[in-house]
Amino acid sequence: MPMDVALNDVVRLRKPHPCGGYEWTVVRLGADIGIVCNTCKHRVLLPRREFEKRVKKFISKAPRANSGESEAK
């Protein structure tokens, strides 16, 4: 099952970027995940599978829209 990732989530990766930063912001979703380094603003595209392997933890989650679980009957 795919990891629950949304735009503007901030994640910590297992290895640091060469600039020394560990934290990245998600800027693109799809088969590839686009992330931007919060330290140097370098943008990287990773295949979803590779992204899921590299994520250590979520630093902050972007607010989610209600996914249709309202009281509609």
N, C-alpha and C. Protein backbone atom coordinates (compact mmCIF):
# COMPACT_ATOMS: atom_id res chain seq x y z
N MET A 1 0.85 -1.19 0.00
CA MET A 1 0.00 0.00 0.00
C MET A 1 0.89 1.24 0.00
N PRO A 2 0.60 2.22 -0.87
CA PRO A 2 1.45 3.41 -0.95
C PRO A 2 1.38 4.27 0.31
N MET A 3 2.47 4.94 0.57
CA MET A 3 2.57 5.85 1.71
C MET A 3 1.64 7.04 1.48
N ASP A 4 1.03 7.54 2.54
CA ASP A 4 0.12 8.69 2.45
C ASP A 4 0.95 9.97 2.43
N VAL A 5 1.15 10.51 1.23
CA VAL A 5 1.96 11.72 1.05
C VAL A 5 1.09 12.78 0.39
N ALA A 6 1.23 14.03 0.82
CA ALA A 6 0.48 15.14 0.22
C ALA A 6 1.44 16.28 -0.09
N LEU A 7 0.98 17.19 -0.94
CA LEU A 7 1.78 18.38 -1.24
C LEU A 7 2.06 19.16 0.03
N ASN A 8 3.23 19.73 0.11
CA ASN A 8 3.69 20.56 1.23
C ASN A 8 3.97 19.78 2.52
N ASP A 9 3.99 18.45 2.47
CA ASP A 9 4.47 17.68 3.61
C ASP A 9 5.98 17.91 3.71
N VAL A 10 6.50 17.96 4.93
CA VAL A 10 7.94 18.08 5.15
C VAL A 10 8.42 16.74 5.70
N VAL A 11 9.43 16.16 5.02
CA VAL A 11 9.94 14.86 5.41
C VAL A 11 11.43 14.94 5.73
N ARG A 12 11.88 14.01 6.56
CA ARG A 12 13.31 13.86 6.86
C ARG A 12 13.76 12.58 6.16
N LEU A 13 14.81 12.71 5.33
CA LEU A 13 15.35 11.55 4.63
C LEU A 13 16.47 10.91 5.44
N ARG A 14 16.78 9.67 5.10
CA ARG A 14 17.78 8.91 5.86
C ARG A 14 19.19 9.47 5.72
N LYS A 15 19.55 9.91 4.53
CA LYS A 15 20.90 10.44 4.30
C LYS A 15 20.81 11.94 4.01
N PRO A 16 21.81 12.70 4.42
CA PRO A 16 21.77 14.15 4.16
C PRO A 16 22.06 14.47 2.70
N HIS A 17 21.54 15.60 2.26
CA HIS A 17 21.87 16.17 0.96
C HIS A 17 23.31 16.69 1.06
N PRO A 18 24.05 16.78 -0.03
CA PRO A 18 25.42 17.29 0.06
C PRO A 18 25.55 18.67 0.73
N CYS A 19 24.49 19.46 0.73
CA CYS A 19 24.53 20.76 1.40
C CYS A 19 24.43 20.61 2.91
N GLY A 20 24.09 19.42 3.39
CA GLY A 20 23.99 19.16 4.82
C GLY A 20 22.56 19.08 5.34
N GLY A 21 21.57 19.38 4.48
CA GLY A 21 20.17 19.37 4.91
C GLY A 21 19.55 17.99 4.87
N TYR A 22 18.70 17.70 5.86
CA TYR A 22 17.97 16.44 5.93
C TYR A 22 16.50 16.62 5.57
N GLU A 23 15.97 17.84 5.68
CA GLU A 23 14.53 18.06 5.53
C GLU A 23 14.18 18.53 4.13
N TRP A 24 13.09 17.96 3.60
CA TRP A 24 12.64 18.22 2.24
C TRP A 24 11.14 18.48 2.25
N THR A 25 10.67 19.32 1.32
CA THR A 25 9.25 19.60 1.15
C THR A 25 8.76 18.95 -0.14
N VAL A 26 7.62 18.27 -0.07
CA VAL A 26 7.03 17.61 -1.24
C VAL A 26 6.34 18.67 -2.10
N VAL A 27 6.72 18.72 -3.39
CA VAL A 27 6.15 19.73 -4.30
C VAL A 27 5.45 19.11 -5.51
N ARG A 28 5.56 17.79 -5.70
CA ARG A 28 4.93 17.13 -6.84
C ARG A 28 4.57 15.71 -6.44
N LEU A 29 3.39 15.26 -6.86
CA LEU A 29 2.93 13.91 -6.59
C LEU A 29 2.62 13.19 -7.89
N GLY A 30 2.71 11.90 -7.86
CA GLY A 30 2.42 11.08 -9.03
C GLY A 30 3.28 9.83 -8.95
N ALA A 31 3.63 9.27 -10.12
CA ALA A 31 4.52 8.12 -10.13
C ALA A 31 5.89 8.54 -9.61
N ASP A 32 6.27 9.79 -9.88
CA ASP A 32 7.48 10.38 -9.33
C ASP A 32 7.09 11.41 -8.28
N ILE A 33 7.88 11.52 -7.23
CA ILE A 33 7.65 12.49 -6.17
C ILE A 33 8.70 13.59 -6.32
N GLY A 34 8.25 14.82 -6.41
CA GLY A 34 9.16 15.97 -6.48
C GLY A 34 9.37 16.52 -5.08
N ILE A 35 10.64 16.71 -4.70
CA ILE A 35 10.95 17.26 -3.38
C ILE A 35 11.96 18.40 -3.53
N VAL A 36 11.90 19.34 -2.60
CA VAL A 36 12.80 20.49 -2.60
C VAL A 36 13.53 20.51 -1.26
N CYS A 37 14.86 20.62 -1.31
CA CYS A 37 15.67 20.70 -0.10
C CYS A 37 15.34 22.00 0.63
N ASN A 38 15.05 21.93 1.93
CA ASN A 38 14.71 23.13 2.69
C ASN A 38 15.93 23.98 3.01
N THR A 39 17.14 23.44 2.84
CA THR A 39 18.36 24.18 3.12
C THR A 39 18.83 24.98 1.91
N CYS A 40 18.97 24.29 0.75
CA CYS A 40 19.54 24.96 -0.43
C CYS A 40 18.55 25.15 -1.57
N LYS A 41 17.31 24.67 -1.43
CA LYS A 41 16.24 24.80 -2.43
C LYS A 41 16.49 24.01 -3.72
N HIS A 42 17.35 22.98 -3.66
CA HIS A 42 17.58 22.12 -4.82
C HIS A 42 16.38 21.21 -5.00
N ARG A 43 15.93 21.05 -6.25
CA ARG A 43 14.75 20.24 -6.54
C ARG A 43 15.16 18.89 -7.12
N VAL A 44 14.53 17.81 -6.64
CA VAL A 44 14.85 16.45 -7.07
C VAL A 44 13.56 15.70 -7.35
N LEU A 45 13.57 14.87 -8.40
CA LEU A 45 12.45 13.96 -8.69
C LEU A 45 12.91 12.54 -8.37
N LEU A 46 12.14 11.86 -7.55
CA LEU A 46 12.44 10.46 -7.20
C LEU A 46 11.25 9.59 -7.57
N PRO A 47 11.50 8.38 -8.06
CA PRO A 47 10.40 7.44 -8.23
C PRO A 47 9.75 7.20 -6.87
N ARG A 48 8.45 7.00 -6.85
CA ARG A 48 7.70 6.84 -5.60
C ARG A 48 8.31 5.74 -4.72
N ARG A 49 8.67 4.64 -5.32
CA ARG A 49 9.24 3.52 -4.56
C ARG A 49 10.54 3.93 -3.85
N GLU A 50 11.41 4.64 -4.56
CA GLU A 50 12.67 5.11 -3.99
C GLU A 50 12.41 6.14 -2.88
N PHE A 51 11.46 7.04 -3.11
CA PHE A 51 11.10 8.04 -2.09
C PHE A 51 10.64 7.35 -0.80
N GLU A 52 9.79 6.35 -0.92
CA GLU A 52 9.27 5.65 0.25
C GLU A 52 10.38 4.93 1.02
N LYS A 53 11.41 4.44 0.33
CA LYS A 53 12.55 3.80 0.99
C LYS A 53 13.39 4.82 1.76
N ARG A 54 13.53 6.03 1.19
CA ARG A 54 14.43 7.03 1.77
C ARG A 54 13.83 7.83 2.92
N VAL A 55 12.51 7.87 3.03
CA VAL A 55 11.88 8.67 4.09
C VAL A 55 12.13 8.03 5.45
N LYS A 56 12.62 8.84 6.37
CA LYS A 56 12.82 8.37 7.75
C LYS A 56 11.60 8.70 8.59
N LYS A 57 11.12 9.96 8.49
CA LYS A 57 9.91 10.34 9.22
C LYS A 57 9.33 11.61 8.62
N PHE A 58 8.08 11.89 8.97
CA PHE A 58 7.41 13.11 8.57
C PHE A 58 7.64 14.15 9.66
N ILE A 59 8.16 15.30 9.28
CA ILE A 59 8.37 16.41 10.21
C ILE A 59 7.05 17.14 10.43
N SER A 60 6.36 17.45 9.33
CA SER A 60 5.04 18.07 9.43
C SER A 60 4.19 17.61 8.26
N LYS A 61 2.91 17.48 8.52
CA LYS A 61 1.96 17.07 7.48
C LYS A 61 1.13 18.29 7.09
N ALA A 62 0.90 18.43 5.79
CA ALA A 62 0.03 19.50 5.31
C ALA A 62 -1.41 19.17 5.68
N PRO A 63 -2.25 20.18 5.89
CA PRO A 63 -3.66 19.90 6.21
C PRO A 63 -4.32 19.15 5.04
N ARG A 64 -5.07 18.12 5.38
CA ARG A 64 -5.73 17.29 4.37
C ARG A 64 -7.16 17.78 4.15
N ALA A 65 -7.62 17.69 2.91
CA ALA A 65 -9.02 17.99 2.60
C ALA A 65 -9.86 16.82 3.06
N ASN A 66 -11.11 17.08 3.41
CA ASN A 66 -12.01 16.02 3.83
C ASN A 66 -12.23 15.08 2.66
N SER A 67 -12.00 13.79 2.85
CA SER A 67 -12.03 12.82 1.76
C SER A 67 -13.41 12.19 1.55
N GLY A 68 -14.46 12.96 1.72
CA GLY A 68 -15.79 12.45 1.46
C GLY A 68 -16.37 11.62 2.58
N GLU A 69 -15.81 11.70 3.76
CA GLU A 69 -16.31 10.93 4.89
C GLU A 69 -17.31 11.74 5.72
N SER A 70 -18.00 12.66 5.08
CA SER A 70 -18.98 13.47 5.78
C SER A 70 -20.27 12.66 6.00
N GLU A 71 -21.27 13.27 6.52
CA GLU A 71 -22.50 12.57 6.88
C GLU A 71 -23.46 12.39 5.71
N ALA A 72 -22.96 12.24 4.52
CA ALA A 72 -23.83 12.00 3.36
C ALA A 72 -24.30 10.56 3.40
N LYS A 73 -25.63 10.38 3.39
CA LYS A 73 -26.19 9.02 3.42
C LYS A 73 -27.17 8.82 2.32
